[in-house]
Amino acid sequence: MEVTGKIKLINETQTFGASGFRKRELVITTNEQYPQMLMVEFVQDKCDLLNSYQVGQDVKISINLRGREWINPEGEAKYFNSIQGWRIEAAQPEGAAAPPVAPLDNLESVSKTNDNEPDDLPF
């Protein structure tokens, strides 16, 4: 899945526990009729992907939705969701098209056959 929008916030990398688990959070404001502010987590080596981005920049983020169950001390199941990013790239501005293809200078030379070859095609 992908989400596009403008970066609202980039947090510093946080490290947890003796294992050194790393997490970095980014908030993106979507480009929709009713914009949403979504927090996207980048974990472990993906934290470093955010180093070259800044607040206010338009980006496209590839995400995975994650869910987990937790049983509280009373024995009730609680469920949590998270959005985990695994790739980020600068978004193309709206209306930006692919670079134009250079026109052929001499279209005749492309369609013209060699005069020495017989024209024996059935069509």
PDB file of N, CA and C in Angstrom:
ATOM      1  N   MET A   1       0.842  -1.168   0.000  1.00  0.00           N
ATOM      2  CA  MET A   1       0.000   0.000   0.000  1.00  0.00           C
ATOM      3  C   MET A   1       0.895   1.242   0.000  1.00  0.00           C
ATOM      4  N   GLU A   2       0.310   2.336  -0.443  1.00  0.00           N
ATOM      5  CA  GLU A   2       1.056   3.595  -0.453  1.00  0.00           C
ATOM      6  C   GLU A   2       0.183   4.719   0.079  1.00  0.00           C
ATOM      7  N   VAL A   3       0.836   5.700   0.669  1.00  0.00           N
ATOM      8  CA  VAL A   3       0.154   6.907   1.128  1.00  0.00           C
ATOM      9  C   VAL A   3       0.996   8.095   0.683  1.00  0.00           C
ATOM     10  N   THR A   4       0.327   9.148   0.201  1.00  0.00           N
ATOM     11  CA  THR A   4       1.048  10.342  -0.230  1.00  0.00           C
ATOM     12  C   THR A   4       0.549  11.541   0.546  1.00  0.00           C
ATOM     13  N   GLY A   5       1.424  12.505   0.722  1.00  0.00           N
ATOM     14  CA  GLY A   5       1.050  13.720   1.428  1.00  0.00           C
ATOM     15  C   GLY A   5       2.271  14.542   1.778  1.00  0.00           C
ATOM     16  N   LYS A   6       2.062  15.477   2.698  1.00  0.00           N
ATOM     17  CA  LYS A   6       3.105  16.411   3.110  1.00  0.00           C
ATOM     18  C   LYS A   6       3.576  16.035   4.515  1.00  0.00           C
ATOM     19  N   ILE A   7       4.886  16.013   4.715  1.00  0.00           N
ATOM     20  CA  ILE A   7       5.442  15.683   6.027  1.00  0.00           C
ATOM     21  C   ILE A   7       5.099  16.801   7.009  1.00  0.00           C
ATOM     22  N   LYS A   8       4.465  16.438   8.109  1.00  0.00           N
ATOM     23  CA  LYS A   8       4.105  17.395   9.158  1.00  0.00           C
ATOM     24  C   LYS A   8       5.133  17.376  10.289  1.00  0.00           C
ATOM     25  N   LEU A   9       5.690  16.192  10.575  1.00  0.00           N
ATOM     26  CA  LEU A   9       6.591  16.026  11.720  1.00  0.00           C
ATOM     27  C   LEU A   9       7.493  14.825  11.486  1.00  0.00           C
ATOM     28  N   ILE A  10       8.760  14.966  11.850  1.00  0.00           N
ATOM     29  CA  ILE A  10       9.690  13.833  11.865  1.00  0.00           C
ATOM     30  C   ILE A  10      10.333  13.800  13.240  1.00  0.00           C
ATOM     31  N   ASN A  11      10.091  12.730  13.990  1.00  0.00           N
ATOM     32  CA  ASN A  11      10.681  12.587  15.318  1.00  0.00           C
ATOM     33  C   ASN A  11      12.093  12.020  15.223  1.00  0.00           C
ATOM     34  N   GLU A  12      12.834  12.178  16.308  1.00  0.00           N
ATOM     35  CA  GLU A  12      14.167  11.588  16.404  1.00  0.00           C
ATOM     36  C   GLU A  12      14.035  10.074  16.577  1.00  0.00           C
ATOM     37  N   THR A  13      15.084   9.356  16.260  1.00  0.00           N
ATOM     38  CA  THR A  13      15.107   7.909  16.438  1.00  0.00           C
ATOM     39  C   THR A  13      15.118   7.569  17.926  1.00  0.00           C
ATOM     40  N   GLN A  14      14.271   6.628  18.319  1.00  0.00           N
ATOM     41  CA  GLN A  14      14.210   6.139  19.705  1.00  0.00           C
ATOM     42  C   GLN A  14      14.781   4.728  19.740  1.00  0.00           C
ATOM     43  N   THR A  15      15.527   4.425  20.804  1.00  0.00           N
ATOM     44  CA  THR A  15      16.088   3.090  20.978  1.00  0.00           C
ATOM     45  C   THR A  15      15.495   2.477  22.234  1.00  0.00           C
ATOM     46  N   PHE A  16      15.085   1.198  22.148  1.00  0.00           N
ATOM     47  CA  PHE A  16      14.410   0.520  23.254  1.00  0.00           C
ATOM     48  C   PHE A  16      15.144  -0.761  23.621  1.00  0.00           C
ATOM     49  N   GLY A  17      15.219  -1.029  24.923  1.00  0.00           N
ATOM     50  CA  GLY A  17      15.702  -2.293  25.445  1.00  0.00           C
ATOM     51  C   GLY A  17      17.153  -2.597  25.168  1.00  0.00           C
ATOM     52  N   ALA A  18      17.581  -3.737  25.721  1.00  0.00           N
ATOM     53  CA  ALA A  18      18.964  -4.177  25.588  1.00  0.00           C
ATOM     54  C   ALA A  18      19.278  -4.615  24.160  1.00  0.00           C
ATOM     55  N   SER A  19      18.242  -4.991  23.408  1.00  0.00           N
ATOM     56  CA  SER A  19      18.470  -5.450  22.033  1.00  0.00           C
ATOM     57  C   SER A  19      18.754  -4.297  21.082  1.00  0.00           C
ATOM     58  N   GLY A  20      18.457  -3.062  21.510  1.00  0.00           N
ATOM     59  CA  GLY A  20      18.721  -1.898  20.669  1.00  0.00           C
ATOM     60  C   GLY A  20      17.684  -1.687  19.587  1.00  0.00           C
ATOM     61  N   PHE A  21      16.444  -2.136  19.814  1.00  0.00           N
ATOM     62  CA  PHE A  21      15.369  -1.931  18.846  1.00  0.00           C
ATOM     63  C   PHE A  21      15.201  -0.441  18.594  1.00  0.00           C
ATOM     64  N   ARG A  22      15.177  -0.041  17.312  1.00  0.00           N
ATOM     65  CA  ARG A  22      15.067   1.370  16.957  1.00  0.00           C
ATOM     66  C   ARG A  22      13.748   1.642  16.251  1.00  0.00           C
ATOM     67  N   LYS A  23      13.170   2.830  16.550  1.00  0.00           N
ATOM     68  CA  LYS A  23      11.924   3.249  15.925  1.00  0.00           C
ATOM     69  C   LYS A  23      11.966   4.753  15.711  1.00  0.00           C
ATOM     70  N   ARG A  24      11.434   5.194  14.569  1.00  0.00           N
ATOM     71  CA  ARG A  24      11.351   6.623  14.263  1.00  0.00           C
ATOM     72  C   ARG A  24       9.973   6.887  13.667  1.00  0.00           C
ATOM     73  N   GLU A  25       9.310   7.910  14.175  1.00  0.00           N
ATOM     74  CA  GLU A  25       7.947   8.203  13.752  1.00  0.00           C
ATOM     75  C   GLU A  25       7.900   9.448  12.871  1.00  0.00           C
ATOM     76  N   LEU A  26       7.034   9.399  11.891  1.00  0.00           N
ATOM     77  CA  LEU A  26       6.808  10.495  10.966  1.00  0.00           C
ATOM     78  C   LEU A  26       5.297  10.725  10.897  1.00  0.00           C
ATOM     79  N   VAL A  27       4.859  11.979  10.852  1.00  0.00           N
ATOM     80  CA  VAL A  27       3.448  12.288  10.671  1.00  0.00           C
ATOM     81  C   VAL A  27       3.305  12.904   9.288  1.00  0.00           C
ATOM     82  N   ILE A  28       2.368  12.358   8.513  1.00  0.00           N
ATOM     83  CA  ILE A  28       2.109  12.839   7.163  1.00  0.00           C
ATOM     84  C   ILE A  28       0.663  13.316   7.087  1.00  0.00           C
ATOM     85  N   THR A  29       0.442  14.442   6.418  1.00  0.00           N
ATOM     86  CA  THR A  29      -0.908  14.950   6.171  1.00  0.00           C
ATOM     87  C   THR A  29      -1.267  14.578   4.743  1.00  0.00           C
ATOM     88  N   THR A  30      -2.325  13.779   4.580  1.00  0.00           N
ATOM     89  CA  THR A  30      -2.695  13.278   3.264  1.00  0.00           C
ATOM     90  C   THR A  30      -3.293  14.376   2.397  1.00  0.00           C
ATOM     91  N   ASN A  31      -3.248  14.147   1.088  1.00  0.00           N
ATOM     92  CA  ASN A  31      -3.802  15.085   0.110  1.00  0.00           C
ATOM     93  C   ASN A  31      -5.178  14.585  -0.325  1.00  0.00           C
ATOM     94  N   GLU A  32      -6.170  14.783   0.512  1.00  0.00           N
ATOM     95  CA  GLU A  32      -7.524  14.333   0.222  1.00  0.00           C
ATOM     96  C   GLU A  32      -8.492  15.474   0.479  1.00  0.00           C
ATOM     97  N   GLN A  33      -9.752  15.248   0.130  1.00  0.00           N
ATOM     98  CA  GLN A  33     -10.764  16.265   0.415  1.00  0.00           C
ATOM     99  C   GLN A  33     -10.807  16.539   1.919  1.00  0.00           C
ATOM    100  N   TYR A  34     -10.709  15.483   2.717  1.00  0.00           N
ATOM    101  CA  TYR A  34     -10.645  15.601   4.173  1.00  0.00           C
ATOM    102  C   TYR A  34      -9.293  15.057   4.620  1.00  0.00           C
ATOM    103  N   PRO A  35      -8.258  15.917   4.648  1.00  0.00           N
ATOM    104  CA  PRO A  35      -6.897  15.449   4.960  1.00  0.00           C
ATOM    105  C   PRO A  35      -6.829  14.746   6.321  1.00  0.00           C
ATOM    106  N   GLN A  36      -6.027  13.699   6.347  1.00  0.00           N
ATOM    107  CA  GLN A  36      -5.815  12.922   7.560  1.00  0.00           C
ATOM    108  C   GLN A  36      -4.362  13.069   7.983  1.00  0.00           C
ATOM    109  N   MET A  37      -4.138  13.119   9.278  1.00  0.00           N
ATOM    110  CA  MET A  37      -2.771  13.142   9.807  1.00  0.00           C
ATOM    111  C   MET A  37      -2.467  11.735  10.308  1.00  0.00           C
ATOM    112  N   LEU A  38      -1.578  11.051   9.608  1.00  0.00           N
ATOM    113  CA  LEU A  38      -1.255   9.667   9.912  1.00  0.00           C
ATOM    114  C   LEU A  38       0.160   9.560  10.454  1.00  0.00           C
ATOM    115  N   MET A  39       0.307   8.814  11.544  1.00  0.00           N
ATOM    116  CA  MET A  39       1.636   8.554  12.067  1.00  0.00           C
ATOM    117  C   MET A  39       2.144   7.252  11.450  1.00  0.00           C
ATOM    118  N   VAL A  40       3.320   7.311  10.852  1.00  0.00           N
ATOM    119  CA  VAL A  40       3.935   6.154  10.220  1.00  0.00           C
ATOM    120  C   VAL A  40       5.223   5.850  10.962  1.00  0.00           C
ATOM    121  N   GLU A  41       5.398   4.597  11.356  1.00  0.00           N
ATOM    122  CA  GLU A  41       6.605   4.169  12.071  1.00  0.00           C
ATOM    123  C   GLU A  41       7.601   3.578  11.085  1.00  0.00           C
ATOM    124  N   PHE A  42       8.857   3.930  11.259  1.00  0.00           N
ATOM    125  CA  PHE A  42       9.953   3.296  10.534  1.00  0.00           C
ATOM    126  C   PHE A  42      10.800   2.607  11.587  1.00  0.00           C
ATOM    127  N   VAL A  43      11.108   1.323  11.407  1.00  0.00           N
ATOM    128  CA  VAL A  43      11.829   0.575  12.440  1.00  0.00           C
ATOM    129  C   VAL A  43      13.167   0.053  11.925  1.00  0.00           C
ATOM    130  N   GLN A  44      14.059  -0.182  12.893  1.00  0.00           N
ATOM    131  CA  GLN A  44      15.391  -0.736  12.682  1.00  0.00           C
ATOM    132  C   GLN A  44      16.157   0.045  11.611  1.00  0.00           C
ATOM    133  N   ASP A  45      16.644  -0.618  10.556  1.00  0.00           N
ATOM    134  CA  ASP A  45      17.462   0.071   9.549  1.00  0.00           C
ATOM    135  C   ASP A  45      16.651   1.047   8.702  1.00  0.00           C
ATOM    136  N   LYS A  46      15.328   0.952   8.714  1.00  0.00           N
ATOM    137  CA  LYS A  46      14.477   1.867   7.940  1.00  0.00           C
ATOM    138  C   LYS A  46      14.421   3.265   8.568  1.00  0.00           C
ATOM    139  N   CYS A  47      14.841   3.410   9.827  1.00  0.00           N
ATOM    140  CA  CYS A  47      14.871   4.726  10.479  1.00  0.00           C
ATOM    141  C   CYS A  47      15.732   5.703   9.701  1.00  0.00           C
ATOM    142  N   ASP A  48      16.819   5.208   9.140  1.00  0.00           N
ATOM    143  CA  ASP A  48      17.771   6.067   8.429  1.00  0.00           C
ATOM    144  C   ASP A  48      17.213   6.613   7.120  1.00  0.00           C
ATOM    145  N   LEU A  49      16.134   6.014   6.598  1.00  0.00           N
ATOM    146  CA  LEU A  49      15.528   6.509   5.364  1.00  0.00           C
ATOM    147  C   LEU A  49      15.022   7.944   5.515  1.00  0.00           C
ATOM    148  N   LEU A  50      14.697   8.349   6.735  1.00  0.00           N
ATOM    149  CA  LEU A  50      14.107   9.665   6.967  1.00  0.00           C
ATOM    150  C   LEU A  50      15.148  10.785   7.049  1.00  0.00           C
ATOM    151  N   ASN A  51      16.422  10.435   7.088  1.00  0.00           N
ATOM    152  CA  ASN A  51      17.470  11.437   7.268  1.00  0.00           C
ATOM    153  C   ASN A  51      17.494  12.506   6.171  1.00  0.00           C
ATOM    154  N   SER A  52      17.096  12.160   4.966  1.00  0.00           N
ATOM    155  CA  SER A  52      17.201  13.123   3.861  1.00  0.00           C
ATOM    156  C   SER A  52      15.879  13.835   3.563  1.00  0.00           C
ATOM    157  N   TYR A  53      14.901  13.724   4.471  1.00  0.00           N
ATOM    158  CA  TYR A  53      13.604  14.382   4.268  1.00  0.00           C
ATOM    159  C   TYR A  53      13.381  15.425   5.348  1.00  0.00           C
ATOM    160  N   GLN A  54      12.524  16.425   5.037  1.00  0.00           N
ATOM    161  CA  GLN A  54      12.265  17.497   5.984  1.00  0.00           C
ATOM    162  C   GLN A  54      10.782  17.837   6.038  1.00  0.00           C
ATOM    163  N   VAL A  55      10.393  18.494   7.107  1.00  0.00           N
ATOM    164  CA  VAL A  55       9.011  18.923   7.297  1.00  0.00           C
ATOM    165  C   VAL A  55       8.597  19.809   6.126  1.00  0.00           C
ATOM    166  N   GLY A  56       7.385  19.587   5.621  1.00  0.00           N
ATOM    167  CA  GLY A  56       6.853  20.370   4.517  1.00  0.00           C
ATOM    168  C   GLY A  56       7.057  19.735   3.156  1.00  0.00           C
ATOM    169  N   GLN A  57       7.844  18.684   3.087  1.00  0.00           N
ATOM    170  CA  GLN A  57       8.149  18.037   1.814  1.00  0.00           C
ATOM    171  C   GLN A  57       7.021  17.070   1.431  1.00  0.00           C
ATOM    172  N   ASP A  58       6.655  17.046   0.136  1.00  0.00           N
ATOM    173  CA  ASP A  58       5.670  16.092  -0.365  1.00  0.00           C
ATOM    174  C   ASP A  58       6.363  14.765  -0.623  1.00  0.00           C
ATOM    175  N   VAL A  59       5.760  13.678  -0.104  1.00  0.00           N
ATOM    176  CA  VAL A  59       6.374  12.359  -0.217  1.00  0.00           C
ATOM    177  C   VAL A  59       5.335  11.295  -0.531  1.00  0.00           C
ATOM    178  N   LYS A  60       5.844  10.166  -1.002  1.00  0.00           N
ATOM    179  CA  LYS A  60       5.048   8.954  -1.174  1.00  0.00           C
ATOM    180  C   LYS A  60       5.707   7.883  -0.314  1.00  0.00           C
ATOM    181  N   ILE A  61       4.922   7.266   0.577  1.00  0.00           N
ATOM    182  CA  ILE A  61       5.456   6.272   1.505  1.00  0.00           C
ATOM    183  C   ILE A  61       4.800   4.925   1.234  1.00  0.00           C
ATOM    184  N   SER A  62       5.618   3.894   1.077  1.00  0.00           N
ATOM    185  CA  SER A  62       5.113   2.524   0.973  1.00  0.00           C
ATOM    186  C   SER A  62       4.958   1.995   2.386  1.00  0.00           C
ATOM    187  N   ILE A  63       3.770   1.446   2.686  1.00  0.00           N
ATOM    188  CA  ILE A  63       3.466   1.055   4.066  1.00  0.00           C
ATOM    189  C   ILE A  63       2.934  -0.374   4.144  1.00  0.00           C
ATOM    190  N   ASN A  64       3.014  -0.928   5.340  1.00  0.00           N
ATOM    191  CA  ASN A  64       2.338  -2.160   5.722  1.00  0.00           C
ATOM    192  C   ASN A  64       1.489  -1.845   6.943  1.00  0.00           C
ATOM    193  N   LEU A  65       0.287  -2.401   7.006  1.00  0.00           N
ATOM    194  CA  LEU A  65      -0.556  -2.270   8.195  1.00  0.00           C
ATOM    195  C   LEU A  65      -0.234  -3.426   9.123  1.00  0.00           C
ATOM    196  N   ARG A  66      -0.015  -3.121  10.391  1.00  0.00           N
ATOM    197  CA  ARG A  66       0.315  -4.133  11.393  1.00  0.00           C
ATOM    198  C   ARG A  66      -0.745  -4.115  12.490  1.00  0.00           C
ATOM    199  N   GLY A  67      -1.070  -5.275  13.016  1.00  0.00           N
ATOM    200  CA  GLY A  67      -2.025  -5.375  14.112  1.00  0.00           C
ATOM    201  C   GLY A  67      -1.546  -6.411  15.113  1.00  0.00           C
ATOM    202  N   ARG A  68      -1.899  -6.195  16.380  1.00  0.00           N
ATOM    203  CA  ARG A  68      -1.488  -7.157  17.414  1.00  0.00           C
ATOM    204  C   ARG A  68      -2.520  -7.198  18.527  1.00  0.00           C
ATOM    205  N   GLU A  69      -2.491  -8.282  19.238  1.00  0.00           N
ATOM    206  CA  GLU A  69      -3.406  -8.494  20.363  1.00  0.00           C
ATOM    207  C   GLU A  69      -2.600  -8.436  21.654  1.00  0.00           C
ATOM    208  N   TRP A  70      -3.211  -7.843  22.687  1.00  0.00           N
ATOM    209  CA  TRP A  70      -2.594  -7.796  24.010  1.00  0.00           C
ATOM    210  C   TRP A  70      -3.674  -8.188  25.015  1.00  0.00           C
ATOM    211  N   ILE A  71      -3.331  -9.077  25.914  1.00  0.00           N
ATOM    212  CA  ILE A  71      -4.259  -9.490  26.971  1.00  0.00           C
ATOM    213  C   ILE A  71      -3.897  -8.698  28.219  1.00  0.00           C
ATOM    214  N   ASN A  72      -4.834  -7.856  28.694  1.00  0.00           N
ATOM    215  CA  ASN A  72      -4.554  -7.020  29.864  1.00  0.00           C
ATOM    216  C   ASN A  72      -4.627  -7.864  31.146  1.00  0.00           C
ATOM    217  N   PRO A  73      -4.218  -7.293  32.291  1.00  0.00           N
ATOM    218  CA  PRO A  73      -4.203  -8.058  33.549  1.00  0.00           C
ATOM    219  C   PRO A  73      -5.569  -8.632  33.941  1.00  0.00           C
ATOM    220  N   GLU A  74      -6.659  -8.025  33.465  1.00  0.00           N
ATOM    221  CA  GLU A  74      -7.997  -8.544  33.757  1.00  0.00           C
ATOM    222  C   GLU A  74      -8.396  -9.668  32.808  1.00  0.00           C
ATOM    223  N   GLY A  75      -7.526 -10.011  31.873  1.00  0.00           N
ATOM    224  CA  GLY A  75      -7.799 -11.097  30.937  1.00  0.00           C
ATOM    225  C   GLY A  75      -8.550 -10.675  29.682  1.00  0.00           C
ATOM    226  N   GLU A  76      -8.753  -9.371  29.506  1.00  0.00           N
ATOM    227  CA  GLU A  76      -9.461  -8.880  28.322  1.00  0.00           C
ATOM    228  C   GLU A  76      -8.471  -8.674  27.176  1.00  0.00           C
ATOM    229  N   ALA A  77      -8.922  -9.027  25.987  1.00  0.00           N
ATOM    230  CA  ALA A  77      -8.085  -8.828  24.802  1.00  0.00           C
ATOM    231  C   ALA A  77      -8.244  -7.394  24.309  1.00  0.00           C
ATOM    232  N   LYS A  78      -7.127  -6.768  24.049  1.00  0.00           N
ATOM    233  CA  LYS A  78      -7.094  -5.429  23.453  1.00  0.00           C
ATOM    234  C   LYS A  78      -6.325  -5.540  22.137  1.00  0.00           C
ATOM    235  N   TYR A  79      -6.724  -4.731  21.168  1.00  0.00           N
ATOM    236  CA  TYR A  79      -6.112  -4.798  19.844  1.00  0.00           C
ATOM    237  C   TYR A  79      -5.525  -3.443  19.467  1.00  0.00           C
ATOM    238  N   PHE A  80      -4.361  -3.487  18.856  1.00  0.00           N
ATOM    239  CA  PHE A  80      -3.647  -2.281  18.463  1.00  0.00           C
ATOM    240  C   PHE A  80      -3.228  -2.395  17.001  1.00  0.00           C
ATOM    241  N   ASN A  81      -3.307  -1.282  16.302  1.00  0.00           N
ATOM    242  CA  ASN A  81      -2.885  -1.210  14.912  1.00  0.00           C
ATOM    243  C   ASN A  81      -1.725  -0.225  14.784  1.00  0.00           C
ATOM    244  N   SER A  82      -0.894  -0.448  13.793  1.00  0.00           N
ATOM    245  CA  SER A  82       0.156   0.513  13.487  1.00  0.00           C
ATOM    246  C   SER A  82       0.386   0.530  11.980  1.00  0.00           C
ATOM    247  N   ILE A  83       0.928   1.629  11.526  1.00  0.00           N
ATOM    248  CA  ILE A  83       1.286   1.793  10.117  1.00  0.00           C
ATOM    249  C   ILE A  83       2.805   1.812  10.062  1.00  0.00           C
ATOM    250  N   GLN A  84       3.371   0.864   9.344  1.00  0.00           N
ATOM    251  CA  GLN A  84       4.827   0.743   9.305  1.00  0.00           C
ATOM    252  C   GLN A  84       5.328   1.049   7.895  1.00  0.00           C
ATOM    253  N   GLY A  85       6.201   2.059   7.794  1.00  0.00           N
ATOM    254  CA  GLY A  85       6.777   2.432   6.508  1.00  0.00           C
ATOM    255  C   GLY A  85       8.011   1.616   6.202  1.00  0.00           C
ATOM    256  N   TRP A  86       8.196   1.303   4.925  1.00  0.00           N
ATOM    257  CA  TRP A  86       9.397   0.563   4.530  1.00  0.00           C
ATOM    258  C   TRP A  86      10.107   1.205   3.338  1.00  0.00           C
ATOM    259  N   ARG A  87       9.470   2.216   2.724  1.00  0.00           N
ATOM    260  CA  ARG A  87      10.130   2.972   1.657  1.00  0.00           C
ATOM    261  C   ARG A  87       9.502   4.365   1.627  1.00  0.00           C
ATOM    262  N   ILE A  88      10.314   5.372   1.309  1.00  0.00           N
ATOM    263  CA  ILE A  88       9.823   6.745   1.183  1.00  0.00           C
ATOM    264  C   ILE A  88      10.547   7.382   0.010  1.00  0.00           C
ATOM    265  N   GLU A  89       9.798   8.171  -0.761  1.00  0.00           N
ATOM    266  CA  GLU A  89      10.404   8.885  -1.885  1.00  0.00           C
ATOM    267  C   GLU A  89       9.698  10.213  -2.075  1.00  0.00           C
ATOM    268  N   ALA A  90      10.407  11.163  -2.652  1.00  0.00           N
ATOM    269  CA  ALA A  90       9.816  12.467  -2.929  1.00  0.00           C
ATOM    270  C   ALA A  90       8.695  12.280  -3.940  1.00  0.00           C
ATOM    271  N   ALA A  91       7.552  12.917  -3.680  1.00  0.00           N
ATOM    272  CA  ALA A  91       6.403  12.786  -4.570  1.00  0.00           C
ATOM    273  C   ALA A  91       6.546  13.715  -5.758  1.00  0.00           C
ATOM    274  N   GLN A  92       6.038  13.271  -6.899  1.00  0.00           N
ATOM    275  CA  GLN A  92       5.982  14.127  -8.079  1.00  0.00           C
ATOM    276  C   GLN A  92       4.918  15.189  -7.840  1.00  0.00           C
ATOM    277  N   PRO A  93       5.169  16.441  -8.159  1.00  0.00           N
ATOM    278  CA  PRO A  93       4.126  17.448  -8.020  1.00  0.00           C
ATOM    279  C   PRO A  93       2.938  17.092  -8.907  1.00  0.00           C
ATOM    280  N   GLU A  94       1.731  17.415  -8.435  1.00  0.00           N
ATOM    281  CA  GLU A  94       0.543  17.109  -9.217  1.00  0.00           C
ATOM    282  C   GLU A  94       0.624  17.805 -10.557  1.00  0.00           C
ATOM    283  N   GLY A  95       0.218  17.085 -11.602  1.00  0.00           N
ATOM    284  CA  GLY A  95       0.256  17.655 -12.940  1.00  0.00           C
ATOM    285  C   GLY A  95       1.600  17.462 -13.622  1.00  0.00           C
ATOM    286  N   ALA A  96       2.580  16.962 -12.878  1.00  0.00           N
ATOM    287  CA  ALA A  96       3.889  16.727 -13.501  1.00  0.00           C
ATOM    288  C   ALA A  96       3.797  15.463 -14.333  1.00  0.00           C
ATOM    289  N   ALA A  97       4.238  15.548 -15.541  1.00  0.00           N
ATOM    290  CA  ALA A  97       4.185  14.404 -16.436  1.00  0.00           C
ATOM    291  C   ALA A  97       5.585  13.849 -16.625  1.00  0.00           C
ATOM    292  N   ALA A  98       5.638  12.700 -17.261  1.00  0.00           N
ATOM    293  CA  ALA A  98       6.930  12.118 -17.581  1.00  0.00           C
ATOM    294  C   ALA A  98       7.646  13.026 -18.565  1.00  0.00           C
ATOM    295  N   PRO A  99       8.961  12.982 -18.591  1.00  0.00           N
ATOM    296  CA  PRO A  99       9.685  13.848 -19.525  1.00  0.00           C
ATOM    297  C   PRO A  99       9.250  13.555 -20.953  1.00  0.00           C
ATOM    298  N   PRO A 100       9.164  14.581 -21.796  1.00  0.00           N
ATOM    299  CA  PRO A 100       8.706  14.363 -23.163  1.00  0.00           C
ATOM    300  C   PRO A 100       9.688  13.509 -23.944  1.00  0.00           C
ATOM    301  N   VAL A 101       9.138  12.745 -24.867  1.00  0.00           N
ATOM    302  CA  VAL A 101       9.961  11.906 -25.726  1.00  0.00           C
ATOM    303  C   VAL A 101      10.427  12.755 -26.896  1.00  0.00           C
ATOM    304  N   ALA A 102      11.689  12.655 -27.227  1.00  0.00           N
ATOM    305  CA  ALA A 102      12.235  13.435 -28.342  1.00  0.00           C
ATOM    306  C   ALA A 102      11.591  12.973 -29.637  1.00  0.00           C
ATOM    307  N   PRO A 103      11.133  13.896 -30.474  1.00  0.00           N
ATOM    308  CA  PRO A 103      10.502  13.512 -31.742  1.00  0.00           C
ATOM    309  C   PRO A 103      11.535  12.935 -32.701  1.00  0.00           C
ATOM    310  N   LEU A 104      11.059  12.082 -33.572  1.00  0.00           N
ATOM    311  CA  LEU A 104      11.941  11.534 -34.593  1.00  0.00           C
ATOM    312  C   LEU A 104      12.197  12.608 -35.634  1.00  0.00           C
ATOM    313  N   ASP A 105      13.450  12.785 -35.997  1.00  0.00           N
ATOM    314  CA  ASP A 105      13.793  13.828 -36.957  1.00  0.00           C
ATOM    315  C   ASP A 105      13.299  13.486 -38.356  1.00  0.00           C
ATOM    316  N   ASN A 106      13.456  12.247 -38.730  1.00  0.00           N
ATOM    317  CA  ASN A 106      13.095  11.881 -40.089  1.00  0.00           C
ATOM    318  C   ASN A 106      12.260  10.614 -40.040  1.00  0.00           C
ATOM    319  N   LEU A 107      10.962  10.763 -39.998  1.00  0.00           N
ATOM    320  CA  LEU A 107      10.056   9.621 -39.894  1.00  0.00           C
ATOM    321  C   LEU A 107      10.120   8.752 -41.134  1.00  0.00           C
ATOM    322  N   GLU A 108      10.406   9.337 -42.292  1.00  0.00           N
ATOM    323  CA  GLU A 108      10.467   8.563 -43.522  1.00  0.00           C
ATOM    324  C   GLU A 108      11.556   7.504 -43.459  1.00  0.00           C
ATOM    325  N   SER A 109      12.695   7.838 -42.844  1.00  0.00           N
ATOM    326  CA  SER A 109      13.805   6.891 -42.810  1.00  0.00           C
ATOM    327  C   SER A 109      13.486   5.687 -41.939  1.00  0.00           C
ATOM    328  N   VAL A 110      12.538   5.839 -40.995  1.00  0.00           N
ATOM    329  CA  VAL A 110      12.170   4.727 -40.129  1.00  0.00           C
ATOM    330  C   VAL A 110      11.271   3.754 -40.868  1.00  0.00           C
ATOM    331  N   SER A 111      10.323   4.263 -41.657  1.00  0.00           N
ATOM    332  CA  SER A 111       9.351   3.399 -42.307  1.00  0.00           C
ATOM    333  C   SER A 111       9.780   2.955 -43.696  1.00  0.00           C
ATOM    334  N   LYS A 112      10.789   3.576 -44.254  1.00  0.00           N
ATOM    335  CA  LYS A 112      11.223   3.253 -45.605  1.00  0.00           C
ATOM    336  C   LYS A 112      12.056   1.979 -45.587  1.00  0.00           C
ATOM    337  N   THR A 113      11.756   1.079 -46.508  1.00  0.00           N
ATOM    338  CA  THR A 113      12.519  -0.161 -46.601  1.00  0.00           C
ATOM    339  C   THR A 113      13.713   0.056 -47.511  1.00  0.00           C
ATOM    340  N   ASN A 114      14.625  -0.856 -47.440  1.00  0.00           N
ATOM    341  CA  ASN A 114      15.803  -0.800 -48.300  1.00  0.00           C
ATOM    342  C   ASN A 114      15.357  -1.046 -49.737  1.00  0.00           C
ATOM    343  N   ASP A 115      15.796  -0.210 -50.670  1.00  0.00           N
ATOM    344  CA  ASP A 115      15.378  -0.325 -52.081  1.00  0.00           C
ATOM    345  C   ASP A 115      15.868  -1.620 -52.712  1.00  0.00           C
ATOM    346  N   ASN A 116      16.906  -2.229 -52.169  1.00  0.00           N
ATOM    347  CA  ASN A 116      17.465  -3.445 -52.750  1.00  0.00           C
ATOM    348  C   ASN A 116      16.708  -4.687 -52.311  1.00  0.00           C
ATOM    349  N   GLU A 117      15.845  -4.580 -51.302  1.00  0.00           N
ATOM    350  CA  GLU A 117      15.095  -5.724 -50.812  1.00  0.00           C
ATOM    351  C   GLU A 117      13.761  -5.806 -51.540  1.00  0.00           C
ATOM    352  N   PRO A 118      13.349  -7.004 -51.912  1.00  0.00           N
ATOM    353  CA  PRO A 118      12.044  -7.129 -52.572  1.00  0.00           C
ATOM    354  C   PRO A 118      10.918  -6.904 -51.576  1.00  0.00           C
ATOM    355  N   ASP A 119       9.825  -6.325 -52.052  1.00  0.00           N
ATOM    356  CA  ASP A 119       8.664  -6.065 -51.205  1.00  0.00           C
ATOM    357  C   ASP A 119       7.689  -7.218 -51.367  1.00  0.00           C
ATOM    358  N   ASP A 120       7.932  -8.319 -50.636  1.00  0.00           N
ATOM    359  CA  ASP A 120       7.096  -9.502 -50.803  1.00  0.00           C
ATOM    360  C   ASP A 120       6.191  -9.769 -49.592  1.00  0.00           C
ATOM    361  N   LEU A 121       5.958  -8.741 -48.819  1.00  0.00           N
ATOM    362  CA  LEU A 121       5.089  -8.913 -47.655  1.00  0.00           C
ATOM    363  C   LEU A 121       3.643  -9.069 -48.111  1.00  0.00           C
ATOM    364  N   PRO A 122       2.868  -9.925 -47.442  1.00  0.00           N
ATOM    365  CA  PRO A 122       1.484 -10.164 -47.861  1.00  0.00           C
ATOM    366  C   PRO A 122       0.515  -9.040 -47.499  1.00  0.00           C
ATOM    367  N   PHE A 123       0.947  -8.028 -46.847  1.00  0.00           N
ATOM    368  CA  PHE A 123       0.027  -6.946 -46.453  1.00  0.00           C
ATOM    369  C   PHE A 123       0.553  -5.607 -46.815  1.00  0.00           C
TER     370      PHE A 123
END
